[in-house]
Amino acid sequence: MSTPLRLKELSKQEELLTGGHRLCSGCGAPIAIRQVLHAA
């Protein structure tokens, strides 16, 4: 069984999606990509 992921721990992770990616902030794509990068 995997350990639960806490929001506090997530906020301390390095942000892998940097500026200049040309994705609009209101779209769902950057949110999905950010979640995939956090899971990797």
Protein backbone atom coordinates (compact mmCIF):
# COMPACT_ATOMS: atom_id res chain seq x y z
CA MET A 1 0.00 0.00 0.00
CA SER A 2 1.35 3.46 -0.82
CA THR A 3 1.80 6.18 1.76
CA PRO A 4 -0.61 9.12 1.71
CA LEU A 5 0.63 12.27 0.01
CA ARG A 6 0.36 15.40 2.10
CA LEU A 7 -0.14 18.88 0.70
CA LYS A 8 2.67 20.24 2.86
CA GLU A 9 5.09 17.74 1.34
CA LEU A 10 3.88 18.54 -2.17
CA SER A 11 4.51 22.24 -1.66
CA LYS A 12 8.15 21.52 -0.77
CA GLN A 13 8.83 19.60 -4.00
CA GLU A 14 10.81 21.26 -6.76
CA GLU A 15 8.61 22.76 -9.48
CA LEU A 16 9.48 20.91 -12.69
CA LEU A 17 7.24 22.96 -14.99
CA THR A 18 9.12 26.22 -15.37
CA GLY A 19 8.09 29.51 -16.92
CA GLY A 20 8.22 29.91 -20.68
CA HIS A 21 6.30 26.72 -21.44
CA ARG A 22 3.72 28.69 -23.51
CA LEU A 23 0.72 26.95 -21.90
CA CYS A 24 -2.11 29.25 -20.84
CA SER A 25 -2.68 29.30 -17.09
CA GLY A 26 -6.46 28.85 -17.39
CA CYS A 27 -6.29 25.65 -19.43
CA GLY A 28 -6.40 22.18 -17.95
CA ALA A 29 -3.28 20.99 -19.80
CA PRO A 30 -0.70 22.70 -17.55
CA ILE A 31 -2.51 21.42 -14.46
CA ALA A 32 -2.46 17.87 -15.79
CA ILE A 33 1.20 18.13 -16.82
CA ARG A 34 2.15 19.51 -13.40
CA GLN A 35 0.37 16.60 -11.68
CA VAL A 36 2.12 14.06 -13.91
CA LEU A 37 5.50 15.67 -13.19
CA HIS A 38 4.81 15.60 -9.45
CA ALA A 39 3.91 11.90 -9.66
CA ALA A 40 7.08 11.02 -11.58
